[in-house]
Amino acid sequence: MKKNMCIFASGATIYPLMEIICRGKTDFSMAIAGGVCLCLINKVCNGRMKSMHLALKCLAGSAIITSVEFIIGILVNKVLMLDVWDYSDMPLNIMGQICPKFSVIWFLLTIPAMQLCTLYDKRPLPALKRDNGRR
């Protein structure tokens, strides 16, 4: 449980930071997307696909991130109309929410994402303090 919380927090921090570096701005939804993506990459790419070829893991990671972006994009951009991003001018985009250019980037970024998740396997996590009502 602690490991998953740390992985989610890492993704929820890194993903928006990447967006700020690349676009100069971000949205709270990107923190949610980042946390969900990193948890799923850990579960799928470092878990179920552990013994598979790296290219297949990267393909799965790209599919995970692209799918999460599509779902969150539909929610925040189409349903809530927050207009966080719009890829309508990108070739082969789907509803302005995802496009192949970024799927290729996600393919490559799956490698450091998987490595980041494995750091939590190698380092003991601090124990959560419990306040059992004792003072």
C-alpha atoms as a PDB file:
ATOM      1  CA  MET A   1       0.000   0.000   0.000  1.00  0.00           C
ATOM      2  CA  LYS A   2       2.784   2.453   0.925  1.00  0.00           C
ATOM      3  CA  LYS A   3       4.614   1.616  -2.284  1.00  0.00           C
ATOM      4  CA  ASN A   4       1.530   2.374  -4.395  1.00  0.00           C
ATOM      5  CA  MET A   5       0.963   5.640  -2.542  1.00  0.00           C
ATOM      6  CA  CYS A   6       4.562   6.674  -3.175  1.00  0.00           C
ATOM      7  CA  ILE A   7       4.353   5.696  -6.835  1.00  0.00           C
ATOM      8  CA  PHE A   8       1.099   7.644  -7.239  1.00  0.00           C
ATOM      9  CA  ALA A   9       2.628  10.689  -5.506  1.00  0.00           C
ATOM     10  CA  SER A  10       5.705  10.498  -7.737  1.00  0.00           C
ATOM     11  CA  GLY A  11       3.611  10.381 -10.899  1.00  0.00           C
ATOM     12  CA  ALA A  12       1.333  13.125  -9.597  1.00  0.00           C
ATOM     13  CA  THR A  13       4.393  15.334  -9.121  1.00  0.00           C
ATOM     14  CA  ILE A  14       6.534  14.478 -12.144  1.00  0.00           C
ATOM     15  CA  TYR A  15       3.827  14.539 -14.836  1.00  0.00           C
ATOM     16  CA  PRO A  16       2.688  18.127 -14.085  1.00  0.00           C
ATOM     17  CA  LEU A  17       6.321  19.238 -13.760  1.00  0.00           C
ATOM     18  CA  MET A  18       7.055  17.840 -17.220  1.00  0.00           C
ATOM     19  CA  GLU A  19       4.079  19.760 -18.550  1.00  0.00           C
ATOM     20  CA  ILE A  20       5.221  22.988 -16.897  1.00  0.00           C
ATOM     21  CA  ILE A  21       8.689  22.543 -18.410  1.00  0.00           C
ATOM     22  CA  CYS A  22       7.309  21.818 -21.899  1.00  0.00           C
ATOM     23  CA  ARG A  23       4.192  24.031 -22.007  1.00  0.00           C
ATOM     24  CA  GLY A  24       4.748  26.546 -19.228  1.00  0.00           C
ATOM     25  CA  LYS A  25       1.508  25.564 -17.477  1.00  0.00           C
ATOM     26  CA  THR A  26      -0.407  22.583 -16.096  1.00  0.00           C
ATOM     27  CA  ASP A  27      -3.739  21.614 -14.553  1.00  0.00           C
ATOM     28  CA  PHE A  28      -4.704  19.609 -11.465  1.00  0.00           C
ATOM     29  CA  SER A  29      -6.007  16.870 -13.758  1.00  0.00           C
ATOM     30  CA  MET A  30      -2.450  16.206 -14.920  1.00  0.00           C
ATOM     31  CA  ALA A  31      -1.470  15.276 -11.380  1.00  0.00           C
ATOM     32  CA  ILE A  32      -4.275  12.731 -11.295  1.00  0.00           C
ATOM     33  CA  ALA A  33      -3.283  11.438 -14.732  1.00  0.00           C
ATOM     34  CA  GLY A  34       0.371  11.174 -13.729  1.00  0.00           C
ATOM     35  CA  GLY A  35      -0.370   9.244 -10.552  1.00  0.00           C
ATOM     36  CA  VAL A  36      -2.741   6.841 -12.294  1.00  0.00           C
ATOM     37  CA  CYS A  37      -0.340   6.318 -15.213  1.00  0.00           C
ATOM     38  CA  LEU A  38       2.662   5.546 -13.039  1.00  0.00           C
ATOM     39  CA  CYS A  39       0.666   3.097 -10.889  1.00  0.00           C
ATOM     40  CA  LEU A  40      -0.626   1.317 -13.991  1.00  0.00           C
ATOM     41  CA  ILE A  41       2.834   1.208 -15.592  1.00  0.00           C
ATOM     42  CA  ASN A  42       4.195  -0.372 -12.434  1.00  0.00           C
ATOM     43  CA  LYS A  43       1.393  -2.935 -12.267  1.00  0.00           C
ATOM     44  CA  VAL A  44       1.424  -3.844 -15.959  1.00  0.00           C
ATOM     45  CA  CYS A  45       4.960  -3.233 -17.252  1.00  0.00           C
ATOM     46  CA  ASN A  46       6.895  -4.106 -14.091  1.00  0.00           C
ATOM     47  CA  GLY A  47       4.379  -6.741 -12.983  1.00  0.00           C
ATOM     48  CA  ARG A  48       2.416  -8.755 -15.499  1.00  0.00           C
ATOM     49  CA  MET A  49       4.848  -8.053 -18.352  1.00  0.00           C
ATOM     50  CA  LYS A  50       8.026  -8.299 -16.276  1.00  0.00           C
ATOM     51  CA  SER A  51       9.649 -11.024 -18.383  1.00  0.00           C
ATOM     52  CA  MET A  52       8.595  -9.587 -21.759  1.00  0.00           C
ATOM     53  CA  HIS A  53      10.747  -7.664 -24.227  1.00  0.00           C
ATOM     54  CA  LEU A  54      11.348  -3.991 -23.429  1.00  0.00           C
ATOM     55  CA  ALA A  55       9.675  -2.830 -26.653  1.00  0.00           C
ATOM     56  CA  LEU A  56       6.441  -4.595 -25.675  1.00  0.00           C
ATOM     57  CA  LYS A  57       6.542  -2.989 -22.241  1.00  0.00           C
ATOM     58  CA  CYS A  58       7.064   0.417 -23.842  1.00  0.00           C
ATOM     59  CA  LEU A  59       4.164  -0.215 -26.191  1.00  0.00           C
ATOM     60  CA  ALA A  60       1.974  -1.107 -23.207  1.00  0.00           C
ATOM     61  CA  GLY A  61       3.182   1.981 -21.301  1.00  0.00           C
ATOM     62  CA  SER A  62       2.394   4.196 -24.266  1.00  0.00           C
ATOM     63  CA  ALA A  63      -1.075   2.656 -24.535  1.00  0.00           C
ATOM     64  CA  ILE A  64      -1.651   3.199 -20.814  1.00  0.00           C
ATOM     65  CA  ILE A  65      -0.635   6.858 -20.859  1.00  0.00           C
ATOM     66  CA  THR A  66      -2.460   7.585 -24.106  1.00  0.00           C
ATOM     67  CA  SER A  67      -5.635   5.922 -22.787  1.00  0.00           C
ATOM     68  CA  VAL A  68      -5.503   7.786 -19.473  1.00  0.00           C
ATOM     69  CA  GLU A  69      -4.939  11.065 -21.324  1.00  0.00           C
ATOM     70  CA  PHE A  70      -7.903  10.345 -23.585  1.00  0.00           C
ATOM     71  CA  ILE A  71     -10.237   9.555 -20.687  1.00  0.00           C
ATOM     72  CA  ILE A  72      -9.133  12.541 -18.617  1.00  0.00           C
ATOM     73  CA  GLY A  73      -9.146  14.740 -21.721  1.00  0.00           C
ATOM     74  CA  ILE A  74     -12.752  13.850 -22.495  1.00  0.00           C
ATOM     75  CA  LEU A  75     -13.706  14.555 -18.886  1.00  0.00           C
ATOM     76  CA  VAL A  76     -11.891  17.869 -18.367  1.00  0.00           C
ATOM     77  CA  ASN A  77     -11.960  19.249 -21.916  1.00  0.00           C
ATOM     78  CA  LYS A  78     -15.286  18.023 -23.301  1.00  0.00           C
ATOM     79  CA  VAL A  79     -17.536  17.365 -20.288  1.00  0.00           C
ATOM     80  CA  LEU A  80     -16.261  20.052 -17.872  1.00  0.00           C
ATOM     81  CA  MET A  81     -15.169  22.334 -20.763  1.00  0.00           C
ATOM     82  CA  LEU A  82     -11.967  23.427 -18.999  1.00  0.00           C
ATOM     83  CA  ASP A  83      -9.999  23.519 -22.278  1.00  0.00           C
ATOM     84  CA  VAL A  84      -6.789  22.261 -20.674  1.00  0.00           C
ATOM     85  CA  TRP A  85      -5.388  21.054 -24.014  1.00  0.00           C
ATOM     86  CA  ASP A  86      -6.440  20.680 -27.626  1.00  0.00           C
ATOM     87  CA  TYR A  87      -4.531  18.610 -30.169  1.00  0.00           C
ATOM     88  CA  SER A  88      -7.017  19.329 -32.969  1.00  0.00           C
ATOM     89  CA  ASP A  89      -4.256  20.830 -35.098  1.00  0.00           C
ATOM     90  CA  MET A  90      -2.053  17.728 -34.748  1.00  0.00           C
ATOM     91  CA  PRO A  91      -2.118  15.067 -37.479  1.00  0.00           C
ATOM     92  CA  LEU A  92      -4.208  11.948 -36.786  1.00  0.00           C
ATOM     93  CA  ASN A  93      -5.581  13.312 -33.514  1.00  0.00           C
ATOM     94  CA  ILE A  94      -8.643  11.743 -31.921  1.00  0.00           C
ATOM     95  CA  MET A  95     -11.200  14.316 -30.802  1.00  0.00           C
ATOM     96  CA  GLY A  96      -8.351  16.732 -30.098  1.00  0.00           C
ATOM     97  CA  GLN A  97      -7.391  14.742 -26.989  1.00  0.00           C
ATOM     98  CA  ILE A  98      -4.615  12.395 -28.132  1.00  0.00           C
ATOM     99  CA  CYS A  99      -2.278  12.123 -31.110  1.00  0.00           C
ATOM    100  CA  PRO A 100       0.459   9.778 -32.358  1.00  0.00           C
ATOM    101  CA  LYS A 101       3.273  12.287 -31.707  1.00  0.00           C
ATOM    102  CA  PHE A 102       2.713  12.115 -27.963  1.00  0.00           C
ATOM    103  CA  SER A 103       2.126   8.364 -28.005  1.00  0.00           C
ATOM    104  CA  VAL A 104       5.668   7.994 -29.384  1.00  0.00           C
ATOM    105  CA  ILE A 105       6.992  10.229 -26.608  1.00  0.00           C
ATOM    106  CA  TRP A 106       5.109   8.116 -24.031  1.00  0.00           C
ATOM    107  CA  PHE A 107       6.654   4.986 -25.574  1.00  0.00           C
ATOM    108  CA  LEU A 108      10.125   6.360 -24.789  1.00  0.00           C
ATOM    109  CA  LEU A 109       9.228   7.776 -21.379  1.00  0.00           C
ATOM    110  CA  THR A 110       7.937   4.390 -20.253  1.00  0.00           C
ATOM    111  CA  ILE A 111      11.561   3.292 -19.705  1.00  0.00           C
ATOM    112  CA  PRO A 112      12.402   5.859 -16.988  1.00  0.00           C
ATOM    113  CA  ALA A 113       8.883   5.469 -15.571  1.00  0.00           C
ATOM    114  CA  MET A 114       9.447   1.734 -15.062  1.00  0.00           C
ATOM    115  CA  GLN A 115      12.859   2.392 -13.541  1.00  0.00           C
ATOM    116  CA  LEU A 116      11.420   4.962 -11.140  1.00  0.00           C
ATOM    117  CA  CYS A 117       8.879   2.419  -9.908  1.00  0.00           C
ATOM    118  CA  THR A 118      11.609  -0.146  -9.219  1.00  0.00           C
ATOM    119  CA  LEU A 119      13.378   2.307  -6.896  1.00  0.00           C
ATOM    120  CA  TYR A 120      10.605   1.699  -4.378  1.00  0.00           C
ATOM    121  CA  ASP A 121      11.467  -2.020  -4.420  1.00  0.00           C
ATOM    122  CA  LYS A 122      15.104  -1.379  -3.526  1.00  0.00           C
ATOM    123  CA  ARG A 123      14.675   1.161  -0.736  1.00  0.00           C
ATOM    124  CA  PRO A 124      12.716   0.506   2.449  1.00  0.00           C
ATOM    125  CA  LEU A 125       9.876   2.965   2.871  1.00  0.00           C
ATOM    126  CA  PRO A 126       9.477   4.764   6.207  1.00  0.00           C
ATOM    127  CA  ALA A 127       6.755   3.422   8.458  1.00  0.00           C
ATOM    128  CA  LEU A 128       3.558   5.415   8.708  1.00  0.00           C
ATOM    129  CA  LYS A 129       3.043   6.734  12.230  1.00  0.00           C
ATOM    130  CA  ARG A 130      -0.189   5.735  13.883  1.00  0.00           C
ATOM    131  CA  ASP A 131      -1.737   7.760  16.649  1.00  0.00           C
ATOM    132  CA  ASN A 132      -3.713   5.099  18.466  1.00  0.00           C
ATOM    133  CA  GLY A 133      -5.293   7.771  20.635  1.00  0.00           C
ATOM    134  CA  ARG A 134      -2.358   7.711  23.053  1.00  0.00           C
ATOM    135  CA  ARG A 135      -0.969  10.967  24.291  1.00  0.00           C
END
